[in-house]
Amino acid sequence: MNVLGIVGQTAHCLTSFFFVSNETKGDVLIKPVQFITKVLTVIGLLAFAEAGTTNNDCDGIILRGKYHEKEVLADNLDRPYLLIVDFHKNVLYFSYSASPEDDKFISCYLDLNTKELGNITQVDNGFAQAVDQDRHEVYIGGSDGIFKFFYNNKTVERAGAEGVNIWSMFYKDQLYYTSFPQQFIYTLKNGEAAEVEYMKGHKADFFVIDKDDYTLFKNESGLYGKAKGSEDEDVYDEDIIVRALITDLNGLPYVCGVNGVYFLNKDDKILEKIGDLDECFGLAFDKDNNMIYSDPIQVVRLKLRAGNECS
């Protein structure tokens, strides 16, 4: 029984006692009434306190109708951005603003097992991250090209695109990237860059490639999708403000918008909103397919609460 139940039953017993007493001692009626009033006041205060405690315990997120608890992984950051997880090591990579005055960014790693957070300082203006999940290789893109990052000894080596300002990256069978300000999609193989043939003429602020080789991309005109080899593109939303595109552990595509997270339904060619997120900046999934998101100052992991509800 919770605290309200205990106090409520106590008050009921006290009330019954004093009303019985008043039948034989009518000359003391005012005292039990005053006492009961005080008890009811205490009950009200306890109810208010418990309501406040419950609200604090329920500071989570509803995804697909199920309650998920928040686990803050990193805090006091400035715009954590472009999240991706190495499923093999369970390490999260992202970038954040290191110097808001001149808009300089830095890439970093966060071990999801130990919560160790560290900066990758060898890559100038590190901004974009990508992971080859099969070979367990990590790529970091900055203002001077693309580098391979070795987590075990925290070193880097140049992979290609020297002198190119990397804007976004994704790995699916090979490394894909866009540069700024051109924003066309290229592949990098053996240090050589080539524009993706079926995406020629399509700019991309962000892009992701799902398990079916379907490319989802966002540019200034809207959010679109394109099957590999197809000449036609699917229009999903021309007004949505997108800050991240990502696939989960199973290669299914998700969208991080400023006011929530969406699942891409390719069959019906629609976005399905699965949860409200205030000021979402980035999105990823860990090795157990738990959702990780970032807001303007922190990185948070969401875990399904036992019972799927808040109480």
C-alpha atoms as a PDB file:
ATOM      1  CA  MET A   1       0.000   0.000   0.000  1.00  0.00           C
ATOM      2  CA  ASN A   2       1.287   3.511  -0.806  1.00  0.00           C
ATOM      3  CA  VAL A   3       1.587   6.360   1.665  1.00  0.00           C
ATOM      4  CA  LEU A   4      -1.818   7.784   0.766  1.00  0.00           C
ATOM      5  CA  GLY A   5      -3.546   4.502   1.449  1.00  0.00           C
ATOM      6  CA  ILE A   6      -1.961   4.188   4.867  1.00  0.00           C
ATOM      7  CA  VAL A   7      -2.762   7.752   5.885  1.00  0.00           C
ATOM      8  CA  GLY A   8      -6.271   7.472   4.460  1.00  0.00           C
ATOM      9  CA  GLN A   9      -7.047   4.368   6.481  1.00  0.00           C
ATOM     10  CA  THR A  10      -5.574   5.963   9.618  1.00  0.00           C
ATOM     11  CA  ALA A  11      -7.727   9.066   9.154  1.00  0.00           C
ATOM     12  CA  HIS A  12     -10.826   6.909   8.688  1.00  0.00           C
ATOM     13  CA  CYS A  13     -10.184   5.045  11.919  1.00  0.00           C
ATOM     14  CA  LEU A  14      -9.538   8.258  13.839  1.00  0.00           C
ATOM     15  CA  THR A  15     -12.702   9.834  12.444  1.00  0.00           C
ATOM     16  CA  SER A  16     -14.813   6.812  13.444  1.00  0.00           C
ATOM     17  CA  PHE A  17     -13.295   6.855  16.924  1.00  0.00           C
ATOM     18  CA  PHE A  18     -14.049  10.497  17.584  1.00  0.00           C
ATOM     19  CA  PHE A  19     -17.588  10.299  16.246  1.00  0.00           C
ATOM     20  CA  VAL A  20     -18.278   7.368  18.622  1.00  0.00           C
ATOM     21  CA  SER A  21     -16.740   9.327  21.479  1.00  0.00           C
ATOM     22  CA  ASN A  22     -18.959  12.296  20.709  1.00  0.00           C
ATOM     23  CA  GLU A  23     -22.095  10.241  21.179  1.00  0.00           C
ATOM     24  CA  THR A  24     -21.175   9.838  24.860  1.00  0.00           C
ATOM     25  CA  LYS A  25     -19.154  13.016  25.338  1.00  0.00           C
ATOM     26  CA  GLY A  26     -21.012  15.726  23.487  1.00  0.00           C
ATOM     27  CA  ASP A  27     -19.311  18.433  25.549  1.00  0.00           C
ATOM     28  CA  VAL A  28     -15.960  17.910  23.689  1.00  0.00           C
ATOM     29  CA  LEU A  29     -17.259  17.960  20.077  1.00  0.00           C
ATOM     30  CA  ILE A  30     -15.037  20.859  18.949  1.00  0.00           C
ATOM     31  CA  LYS A  31     -11.737  19.095  19.732  1.00  0.00           C
ATOM     32  CA  PRO A  32     -12.156  15.999  17.492  1.00  0.00           C
ATOM     33  CA  VAL A  33     -13.444  18.192  14.663  1.00  0.00           C
ATOM     34  CA  GLN A  34     -10.305  20.311  14.888  1.00  0.00           C
ATOM     35  CA  PHE A  35      -8.145  17.207  14.989  1.00  0.00           C
ATOM     36  CA  ILE A  36      -9.849  15.651  11.966  1.00  0.00           C
ATOM     37  CA  THR A  37      -9.379  18.908  10.041  1.00  0.00           C
ATOM     38  CA  LYS A  38      -5.640  18.746  10.761  1.00  0.00           C
ATOM     39  CA  VAL A  39      -5.467  15.102   9.639  1.00  0.00           C
ATOM     40  CA  LEU A  40      -7.204  15.911   6.360  1.00  0.00           C
ATOM     41  CA  THR A  41      -4.775  18.788   5.802  1.00  0.00           C
ATOM     42  CA  VAL A  42      -1.840  16.426   6.289  1.00  0.00           C
ATOM     43  CA  ILE A  43      -3.405  13.972   3.816  1.00  0.00           C
ATOM     44  CA  GLY A  44      -3.647  16.746   1.237  1.00  0.00           C
ATOM     45  CA  LEU A  45      -0.009  17.696   1.695  1.00  0.00           C
ATOM     46  CA  LEU A  46       1.127  14.075   1.403  1.00  0.00           C
ATOM     47  CA  ALA A  47      -0.967  13.642  -1.739  1.00  0.00           C
ATOM     48  CA  PHE A  48       0.710  16.679  -3.280  1.00  0.00           C
ATOM     49  CA  ALA A  49       4.160  15.407  -2.305  1.00  0.00           C
ATOM     50  CA  GLU A  50       3.496  11.955  -3.728  1.00  0.00           C
ATOM     51  CA  ALA A  51       2.169  13.441  -6.964  1.00  0.00           C
ATOM     52  CA  GLY A  52       5.404  15.389  -7.335  1.00  0.00           C
ATOM     53  CA  THR A  53       7.467  12.254  -6.728  1.00  0.00           C
ATOM     54  CA  THR A  54       5.464  10.306  -9.309  1.00  0.00           C
ATOM     55  CA  ASN A  55       5.988  13.003 -11.931  1.00  0.00           C
ATOM     56  CA  ASN A  56       9.746  12.943 -11.318  1.00  0.00           C
ATOM     57  CA  ASP A  57       9.785   9.156 -11.641  1.00  0.00           C
ATOM     58  CA  CYS A  58       7.916   9.426 -14.933  1.00  0.00           C
ATOM     59  CA  ASP A  59      10.253  11.825 -16.704  1.00  0.00           C
ATOM     60  CA  GLY A  60      10.588   9.493 -19.664  1.00  0.00           C
ATOM     61  CA  ILE A  61       9.501   9.178 -23.291  1.00  0.00           C
ATOM     62  CA  ILE A  62       6.584   7.299 -24.843  1.00  0.00           C
ATOM     63  CA  LEU A  63       7.661   5.401 -27.976  1.00  0.00           C
ATOM     64  CA  ARG A  64       5.032   3.469 -29.918  1.00  0.00           C
ATOM     65  CA  GLY A  65       2.749   3.744 -26.904  1.00  0.00           C
ATOM     66  CA  LYS A  66       5.277   2.237 -24.462  1.00  0.00           C
ATOM     67  CA  TYR A  67       7.059   4.046 -21.646  1.00  0.00           C
ATOM     68  CA  HIS A  68      10.855   4.328 -21.888  1.00  0.00           C
ATOM     69  CA  GLU A  69      13.133   5.538 -19.102  1.00  0.00           C
ATOM     70  CA  LYS A  70      15.850   8.101 -19.773  1.00  0.00           C
ATOM     71  CA  GLU A  71      19.518   7.378 -19.104  1.00  0.00           C
ATOM     72  CA  VAL A  72      21.673  10.478 -19.511  1.00  0.00           C
ATOM     73  CA  LEU A  73      24.940   9.343 -21.125  1.00  0.00           C
ATOM     74  CA  ALA A  74      26.631  12.745 -21.515  1.00  0.00           C
ATOM     75  CA  ASP A  75      25.726  16.254 -20.419  1.00  0.00           C
ATOM     76  CA  ASN A  76      26.867  19.873 -20.695  1.00  0.00           C
ATOM     77  CA  LEU A  77      27.614  19.594 -24.415  1.00  0.00           C
ATOM     78  CA  ASP A  78      26.854  22.100 -27.154  1.00  0.00           C
ATOM     79  CA  ARG A  79      24.728  20.571 -29.910  1.00  0.00           C
ATOM     80  CA  PRO A  80      25.770  16.894 -29.965  1.00  0.00           C
ATOM     81  CA  TYR A  81      25.272  15.884 -33.547  1.00  0.00           C
ATOM     82  CA  LEU A  82      25.507  13.049 -36.144  1.00  0.00           C
ATOM     83  CA  LEU A  83      25.374  10.063 -33.770  1.00  0.00           C
ATOM     84  CA  ILE A  84      26.411   6.538 -34.796  1.00  0.00           C
ATOM     85  CA  VAL A  85      27.209   3.382 -32.754  1.00  0.00           C
ATOM     86  CA  ASP A  86      29.817   0.712 -33.397  1.00  0.00           C
ATOM     87  CA  PHE A  87      27.638  -2.289 -32.506  1.00  0.00           C
ATOM     88  CA  HIS A  88      30.627  -4.593 -32.000  1.00  0.00           C
ATOM     89  CA  LYS A  89      32.287  -2.471 -29.316  1.00  0.00           C
ATOM     90  CA  ASN A  90      29.111  -0.677 -28.206  1.00  0.00           C
ATOM     91  CA  VAL A  91      30.824   2.692 -28.616  1.00  0.00           C
ATOM     92  CA  LEU A  92      28.921   5.801 -29.626  1.00  0.00           C
ATOM     93  CA  TYR A  93      30.519   8.401 -31.904  1.00  0.00           C
ATOM     94  CA  PHE A  94      29.232  11.929 -32.389  1.00  0.00           C
ATOM     95  CA  SER A  95      30.382  15.510 -32.843  1.00  0.00           C
ATOM     96  CA  TYR A  96      29.595  18.650 -30.893  1.00  0.00           C
ATOM     97  CA  SER A  97      30.380  22.347 -31.047  1.00  0.00           C
ATOM     98  CA  ALA A  98      33.753  22.961 -29.427  1.00  0.00           C
ATOM     99  CA  SER A  99      33.848  26.680 -30.176  1.00  0.00           C
ATOM    100  CA  PRO A 100      30.459  28.310 -30.833  1.00  0.00           C
ATOM    101  CA  GLU A 101      32.135  31.640 -31.681  1.00  0.00           C
ATOM    102  CA  ASP A 102      33.706  30.307 -34.888  1.00  0.00           C
ATOM    103  CA  ASP A 103      31.448  27.236 -35.300  1.00  0.00           C
ATOM    104  CA  LYS A 104      34.241  24.701 -34.800  1.00  0.00           C
ATOM    105  CA  PHE A 105      33.218  21.099 -34.147  1.00  0.00           C
ATOM    106  CA  ILE A 106      35.040  18.126 -32.672  1.00  0.00           C
ATOM    107  CA  SER A 107      34.326  14.402 -32.986  1.00  0.00           C
ATOM    108  CA  CYS A 108      34.332  12.217 -29.890  1.00  0.00           C
ATOM    109  CA  TYR A 109      33.664   8.686 -28.633  1.00  0.00           C
ATOM    110  CA  LEU A 110      31.527   7.481 -25.729  1.00  0.00           C
ATOM    111  CA  ASP A 111      31.940   3.921 -24.447  1.00  0.00           C
ATOM    112  CA  LEU A 112      28.385   2.828 -23.636  1.00  0.00           C
ATOM    113  CA  ASN A 113      29.685   0.140 -21.273  1.00  0.00           C
ATOM    114  CA  THR A 114      32.026   2.271 -19.152  1.00  0.00           C
ATOM    115  CA  LYS A 115      30.646   5.774 -19.979  1.00  0.00           C
ATOM    116  CA  GLU A 116      34.189   6.914 -20.890  1.00  0.00           C
ATOM    117  CA  LEU A 117      33.997  10.044 -23.040  1.00  0.00           C
ATOM    118  CA  GLY A 118      36.932  11.320 -25.082  1.00  0.00           C
ATOM    119  CA  ASN A 119      37.657  13.744 -27.914  1.00  0.00           C
ATOM    120  CA  ILE A 120      39.246  12.745 -31.227  1.00  0.00           C
ATOM    121  CA  THR A 121      41.575  15.714 -31.507  1.00  0.00           C
ATOM    122  CA  GLN A 122      43.658  14.452 -34.440  1.00  0.00           C
ATOM    123  CA  VAL A 123      40.899  15.266 -36.960  1.00  0.00           C
ATOM    124  CA  ASP A 124      40.567  18.992 -37.555  1.00  0.00           C
ATOM    125  CA  ASN A 125      36.982  20.200 -37.166  1.00  0.00           C
ATOM    126  CA  GLY A 126      35.686  16.625 -36.853  1.00  0.00           C
ATOM    127  CA  PHE A 127      32.029  16.623 -37.824  1.00  0.00           C
ATOM    128  CA  ALA A 128      30.765  13.408 -39.475  1.00  0.00           C
ATOM    129  CA  GLN A 129      31.085   9.793 -38.300  1.00  0.00           C
ATOM    130  CA  ALA A 130      30.483   6.427 -40.000  1.00  0.00           C
ATOM    131  CA  VAL A 131      30.995   2.773 -39.005  1.00  0.00           C
ATOM    132  CA  ASP A 132      31.654  -0.309 -41.113  1.00  0.00           C
ATOM    133  CA  GLN A 133      29.745  -2.750 -38.888  1.00  0.00           C
ATOM    134  CA  ASP A 134      31.175  -5.844 -40.619  1.00  0.00           C
ATOM    135  CA  ARG A 135      34.861  -4.919 -40.345  1.00  0.00           C
ATOM    136  CA  HIS A 136      34.395  -2.832 -37.175  1.00  0.00           C
ATOM    137  CA  GLU A 137      36.101   0.160 -38.766  1.00  0.00           C
ATOM    138  CA  VAL A 138      35.321   3.741 -37.793  1.00  0.00           C
ATOM    139  CA  TYR A 139      35.602   6.770 -40.086  1.00  0.00           C
ATOM    140  CA  ILE A 140      35.729  10.421 -39.044  1.00  0.00           C
ATOM    141  CA  GLY A 141      35.162  13.275 -41.484  1.00  0.00           C
ATOM    142  CA  GLY A 142      36.418  16.800 -40.891  1.00  0.00           C
ATOM    143  CA  SER A 143      37.419  19.930 -42.768  1.00  0.00           C
ATOM    144  CA  ASP A 144      40.450  18.199 -44.309  1.00  0.00           C
ATOM    145  CA  GLY A 145      38.988  14.924 -45.506  1.00  0.00           C
ATOM    146  CA  ILE A 146      38.253  11.478 -44.076  1.00  0.00           C
ATOM    147  CA  PHE A 147      40.260   9.537 -41.490  1.00  0.00           C
ATOM    148  CA  LYS A 148      40.060   6.037 -40.100  1.00  0.00           C
ATOM    149  CA  PHE A 149      39.936   5.979 -36.288  1.00  0.00           C
ATOM    150  CA  PHE A 150      41.390   3.107 -34.236  1.00  0.00           C
ATOM    151  CA  TYR A 151      39.585   2.888 -30.928  1.00  0.00           C
ATOM    152  CA  ASN A 152      42.040   0.558 -29.172  1.00  0.00           C
ATOM    153  CA  ASN A 153      44.958   3.006 -29.277  1.00  0.00           C
ATOM    154  CA  LYS A 154      42.994   6.191 -30.124  1.00  0.00           C
ATOM    155  CA  THR A 155      45.001   6.934 -33.285  1.00  0.00           C
ATOM    156  CA  VAL A 156      43.963   7.928 -36.814  1.00  0.00           C
ATOM    157  CA  GLU A 157      45.211   7.498 -40.375  1.00  0.00           C
ATOM    158  CA  ARG A 158      44.097   9.284 -43.511  1.00  0.00           C
ATOM    159  CA  ALA A 159      41.555   7.391 -45.629  1.00  0.00           C
ATOM    160  CA  GLY A 160      41.041   9.900 -48.458  1.00  0.00           C
ATOM    161  CA  ALA A 161      39.290  13.048 -49.675  1.00  0.00           C
ATOM    162  CA  GLU A 162      42.222  15.261 -48.633  1.00  0.00           C
ATOM    163  CA  GLY A 163      41.316  18.937 -48.580  1.00  0.00           C
ATOM    164  CA  VAL A 164      37.572  18.208 -48.756  1.00  0.00           C
ATOM    165  CA  ASN A 165      35.195  19.590 -46.112  1.00  0.00           C
ATOM    166  CA  ILE A 166      33.149  16.523 -45.124  1.00  0.00           C
ATOM    167  CA  TRP A 167      29.499  17.179 -44.297  1.00  0.00           C
ATOM    168  CA  SER A 168      27.915  13.746 -43.721  1.00  0.00           C
ATOM    169  CA  MET A 169      28.849  10.064 -44.036  1.00  0.00           C
ATOM    170  CA  PHE A 170      27.308   6.599 -43.979  1.00  0.00           C
ATOM    171  CA  TYR A 171      28.703   3.096 -44.491  1.00  0.00           C
ATOM    172  CA  LYS A 172      26.734   0.477 -46.436  1.00  0.00           C
ATOM    173  CA  ASP A 173      29.026  -2.007 -48.242  1.00  0.00           C
ATOM    174  CA  GLN A 174      31.278   0.992 -48.905  1.00  0.00           C
ATOM    175  CA  LEU A 175      31.799   4.462 -47.516  1.00  0.00           C
ATOM    176  CA  TYR A 176      29.440   7.195 -48.729  1.00  0.00           C
ATOM    177  CA  TYR A 177      29.907  10.872 -47.983  1.00  0.00           C
ATOM    178  CA  THR A 178      28.875  14.396 -48.907  1.00  0.00           C
ATOM    179  CA  SER A 179      31.006  17.524 -48.860  1.00  0.00           C
ATOM    180  CA  PHE A 180      30.245  21.150 -48.152  1.00  0.00           C
ATOM    181  CA  PRO A 181      29.122  23.242 -49.927  1.00  0.00           C
ATOM    182  CA  GLN A 182      28.497  20.913 -52.915  1.00  0.00           C
ATOM    183  CA  GLN A 183      26.486  18.302 -50.942  1.00  0.00           C
ATOM    184  CA  PHE A 184      26.395  15.627 -53.639  1.00  0.00           C
ATOM    185  CA  ILE A 185      26.835  11.981 -52.550  1.00  0.00           C
ATOM    186  CA  TYR A 186      30.162  10.272 -53.289  1.00  0.00           C
ATOM    187  CA  THR A 187      31.720   6.923 -52.485  1.00  0.00           C
ATOM    188  CA  LEU A 188      35.266   6.451 -51.249  1.00  0.00           C
ATOM    189  CA  LYS A 189      37.013   3.227 -52.234  1.00  0.00           C
ATOM    190  CA  ASN A 190      40.749   2.605 -52.007  1.00  0.00           C
ATOM    191  CA  GLY A 191      41.220   6.320 -51.509  1.00  0.00           C
ATOM    192  CA  GLU A 192      39.394   7.191 -54.735  1.00  0.00           C
ATOM    193  CA  ALA A 193      36.184   9.254 -54.814  1.00  0.00           C
ATOM    194  CA  ALA A 194      33.331   8.777 -57.277  1.00  0.00           C
ATOM    195  CA  GLU A 195      29.890  10.391 -57.423  1.00  0.00           C
ATOM    196  CA  VAL A 196      27.031   7.937 -56.863  1.00  0.00           C
ATOM    197  CA  GLU A 197      25.497   7.425 -60.282  1.00  0.00           C
ATOM    198  CA  TYR A 198      21.838   6.997 -59.372  1.00  0.00           C
ATOM    199  CA  MET A 199      21.980  10.018 -57.025  1.00  0.00           C
ATOM    200  CA  LYS A 200      23.510  12.444 -59.525  1.00  0.00           C
ATOM    201  CA  GLY A 201      21.786  15.793 -59.467  1.00  0.00           C
ATOM    202  CA  HIS A 202      20.346  15.219 -55.974  1.00  0.00           C
ATOM    203  CA  LYS A 203      21.854  17.243 -53.135  1.00  0.00           C
ATOM    204  CA  ALA A 204      21.761  15.883 -49.590  1.00  0.00           C
ATOM    205  CA  ASP A 205      22.171  17.610 -46.249  1.00  0.00           C
ATOM    206  CA  PHE A 206      21.721  14.188 -44.642  1.00  0.00           C
ATOM    207  CA  PHE A 207      21.293  10.721 -46.078  1.00  0.00           C
ATOM    208  CA  VAL A 208      21.084   7.095 -44.983  1.00  0.00           C
ATOM    209  CA  ILE A 209      20.880   3.776 -46.854  1.00  0.00           C
ATOM    210  CA  ASP A 210      18.649   1.053 -45.416  1.00  0.00           C
ATOM    211  CA  LYS A 211      18.862  -2.747 -45.588  1.00  0.00           C
ATOM    212  CA  ASP A 212      17.190  -2.752 -49.030  1.00  0.00           C
ATOM    213  CA  ASP A 213      19.636  -0.212 -50.505  1.00  0.00           C
ATOM    214  CA  TYR A 214      16.946   2.442 -50.366  1.00  0.00           C
ATOM    215  CA  THR A 215      18.481   5.906 -49.967  1.00  0.00           C
ATOM    216  CA  LEU A 216      16.641   8.364 -47.754  1.00  0.00           C
ATOM    217  CA  PHE A 217      17.923  11.924 -48.118  1.00  0.00           C
ATOM    218  CA  LYS A 218      17.075  15.425 -46.947  1.00  0.00           C
ATOM    219  CA  ASN A 219      17.897  18.669 -48.715  1.00  0.00           C
ATOM    220  CA  GLU A 220      16.530  22.219 -48.747  1.00  0.00           C
ATOM    221  CA  SER A 221      13.514  21.065 -50.779  1.00  0.00           C
ATOM    222  CA  GLY A 222      12.304  18.311 -48.443  1.00  0.00           C
ATOM    223  CA  LEU A 223      12.682  14.665 -47.428  1.00  0.00           C
ATOM    224  CA  TYR A 224      12.923  12.121 -50.247  1.00  0.00           C
ATOM    225  CA  GLY A 225      13.648   8.457 -50.914  1.00  0.00           C
ATOM    226  CA  LYS A 226      15.173   6.697 -53.899  1.00  0.00           C
ATOM    227  CA  ALA A 227      15.660   3.019 -54.659  1.00  0.00           C
ATOM    228  CA  LYS A 228      19.056   2.013 -55.982  1.00  0.00           C
ATOM    229  CA  GLY A 229      19.059   2.177 -59.770  1.00  0.00           C
ATOM    230  CA  SER A 230      15.694   3.933 -59.946  1.00  0.00           C
ATOM    231  CA  GLU A 231      15.162   7.177 -61.849  1.00  0.00           C
ATOM    232  CA  ASP A 232      12.168   8.137 -59.720  1.00  0.00           C
ATOM    233  CA  GLU A 233      12.184   9.563 -56.204  1.00  0.00           C
ATOM    234  CA  ASP A 234       9.548   9.315 -53.487  1.00  0.00           C
ATOM    235  CA  VAL A 235       8.428  12.488 -51.747  1.00  0.00           C
ATOM    236  CA  TYR A 236       7.837  12.077 -48.001  1.00  0.00           C
ATOM    237  CA  ASP A 237       7.644  15.588 -46.587  1.00  0.00           C
ATOM    238  CA  GLU A 238       8.580  18.949 -48.077  1.00  0.00           C
ATOM    239  CA  ASP A 239       8.198  20.931 -44.846  1.00  0.00           C
ATOM    240  CA  ILE A 240       9.732  18.803 -42.092  1.00  0.00           C
ATOM    241  CA  ILE A 241      12.874  20.084 -40.351  1.00  0.00           C
ATOM    242  CA  VAL A 242      15.254  17.106 -40.204  1.00  0.00           C
ATOM    243  CA  ARG A 243      18.404  16.936 -38.096  1.00  0.00           C
ATOM    244  CA  ALA A 244      19.351  13.279 -38.485  1.00  0.00           C
ATOM    245  CA  LEU A 245      18.661  10.149 -40.514  1.00  0.00           C
ATOM    246  CA  ILE A 246      19.714   6.739 -39.192  1.00  0.00           C
ATOM    247  CA  THR A 247      19.074   2.999 -39.449  1.00  0.00           C
ATOM    248  CA  ASP A 248      18.596   0.724 -36.452  1.00  0.00           C
ATOM    249  CA  LEU A 249      20.241  -2.628 -35.692  1.00  0.00           C
ATOM    250  CA  ASN A 250      18.039  -4.253 -38.353  1.00  0.00           C
ATOM    251  CA  GLY A 251      18.724  -1.680 -41.069  1.00  0.00           C
ATOM    252  CA  LEU A 252      15.335   0.045 -40.760  1.00  0.00           C
ATOM    253  CA  PRO A 253      15.296   3.826 -41.358  1.00  0.00           C
ATOM    254  CA  TYR A 254      14.326   6.479 -38.787  1.00  0.00           C
ATOM    255  CA  VAL A 255      14.107  10.252 -38.903  1.00  0.00           C
ATOM    256  CA  CYS A 256      15.003  12.736 -36.167  1.00  0.00           C
ATOM    257  CA  GLY A 257      12.914  15.896 -36.506  1.00  0.00           C
ATOM    258  CA  VAL A 258      12.973  18.943 -34.265  1.00  0.00           C
ATOM    259  CA  ASN A 259       9.793  17.835 -32.493  1.00  0.00           C
ATOM    260  CA  GLY A 260       9.961  14.064 -32.572  1.00  0.00           C
ATOM    261  CA  VAL A 261      11.197  10.798 -34.028  1.00  0.00           C
ATOM    262  CA  TYR A 262       9.650   9.065 -37.032  1.00  0.00           C
ATOM    263  CA  PHE A 263       9.740   5.647 -38.662  1.00  0.00           C
ATOM    264  CA  LEU A 264       9.914   5.595 -42.459  1.00  0.00           C
ATOM    265  CA  ASN A 265       7.105   3.458 -43.876  1.00  0.00           C
ATOM    266  CA  LYS A 266       8.310   2.722 -47.399  1.00  0.00           C
ATOM    267  CA  ASP A 267       5.277   0.616 -48.313  1.00  0.00           C
ATOM    268  CA  ASP A 268       2.823   3.469 -47.759  1.00  0.00           C
ATOM    269  CA  LYS A 269       5.404   6.181 -48.500  1.00  0.00           C
ATOM    270  CA  ILE A 270       4.702   8.006 -45.238  1.00  0.00           C
ATOM    271  CA  LEU A 271       6.454   9.045 -42.035  1.00  0.00           C
ATOM    272  CA  GLU A 272       4.990   7.487 -38.887  1.00  0.00           C
ATOM    273  CA  LYS A 273       5.613   9.547 -35.772  1.00  0.00           C
ATOM    274  CA  ILE A 274       6.505   7.148 -32.946  1.00  0.00           C
ATOM    275  CA  GLY A 275       7.384   9.618 -30.189  1.00  0.00           C
ATOM    276  CA  ASP A 276       7.695  13.237 -29.143  1.00  0.00           C
ATOM    277  CA  LEU A 277      11.225  14.533 -28.575  1.00  0.00           C
ATOM    278  CA  ASP A 278      11.785  18.185 -27.780  1.00  0.00           C
ATOM    279  CA  GLU A 279      14.567  19.695 -29.911  1.00  0.00           C
ATOM    280  CA  CYS A 280      16.002  16.413 -31.207  1.00  0.00           C
ATOM    281  CA  PHE A 281      19.511  16.933 -32.631  1.00  0.00           C
ATOM    282  CA  GLY A 282      20.727  13.407 -33.266  1.00  0.00           C
ATOM    283  CA  LEU A 283      19.602   9.770 -33.293  1.00  0.00           C
ATOM    284  CA  ALA A 284      21.249   6.349 -33.056  1.00  0.00           C
ATOM    285  CA  PHE A 285      20.720   2.801 -31.757  1.00  0.00           C
ATOM    286  CA  ASP A 286      22.996   0.743 -29.489  1.00  0.00           C
ATOM    287  CA  LYS A 287      23.949  -2.923 -29.810  1.00  0.00           C
ATOM    288  CA  ASP A 288      20.669  -3.952 -28.120  1.00  0.00           C
ATOM    289  CA  ASN A 289      18.646  -1.669 -30.420  1.00  0.00           C
ATOM    290  CA  ASN A 290      17.893   0.819 -27.660  1.00  0.00           C
ATOM    291  CA  MET A 291      17.281   4.278 -29.082  1.00  0.00           C
ATOM    292  CA  ILE A 292      19.805   7.027 -28.284  1.00  0.00           C
ATOM    293  CA  TYR A 293      19.054  10.660 -29.006  1.00  0.00           C
ATOM    294  CA  SER A 294      20.632  14.046 -28.381  1.00  0.00           C
ATOM    295  CA  ASP A 295      19.108  17.414 -27.577  1.00  0.00           C
ATOM    296  CA  PRO A 296      20.924  20.788 -27.475  1.00  0.00           C
ATOM    297  CA  ILE A 297      23.011  19.850 -24.391  1.00  0.00           C
ATOM    298  CA  GLN A 298      22.961  16.113 -23.695  1.00  0.00           C
ATOM    299  CA  VAL A 299      22.951  12.566 -25.047  1.00  0.00           C
ATOM    300  CA  VAL A 300      20.252  10.230 -23.707  1.00  0.00           C
ATOM    301  CA  ARG A 301      19.546   6.514 -24.045  1.00  0.00           C
ATOM    302  CA  LEU A 302      15.948   5.235 -23.840  1.00  0.00           C
ATOM    303  CA  LYS A 303      15.197   1.862 -22.247  1.00  0.00           C
ATOM    304  CA  LEU A 304      11.825   0.149 -22.093  1.00  0.00           C
ATOM    305  CA  ARG A 305      10.534   0.072 -18.502  1.00  0.00           C
ATOM    306  CA  ALA A 306       9.311  -3.279 -17.180  1.00  0.00           C
ATOM    307  CA  GLY A 307       5.538  -3.294 -17.438  1.00  0.00           C
ATOM    308  CA  ASN A 308       5.689  -0.754 -20.276  1.00  0.00           C
ATOM    309  CA  GLU A 309       4.103   1.963 -18.140  1.00  0.00           C
ATOM    310  CA  CYS A 310       4.886   4.757 -15.736  1.00  0.00           C
ATOM    311  CA  SER A 311       3.539   4.473 -12.193  1.00  0.00           C
END
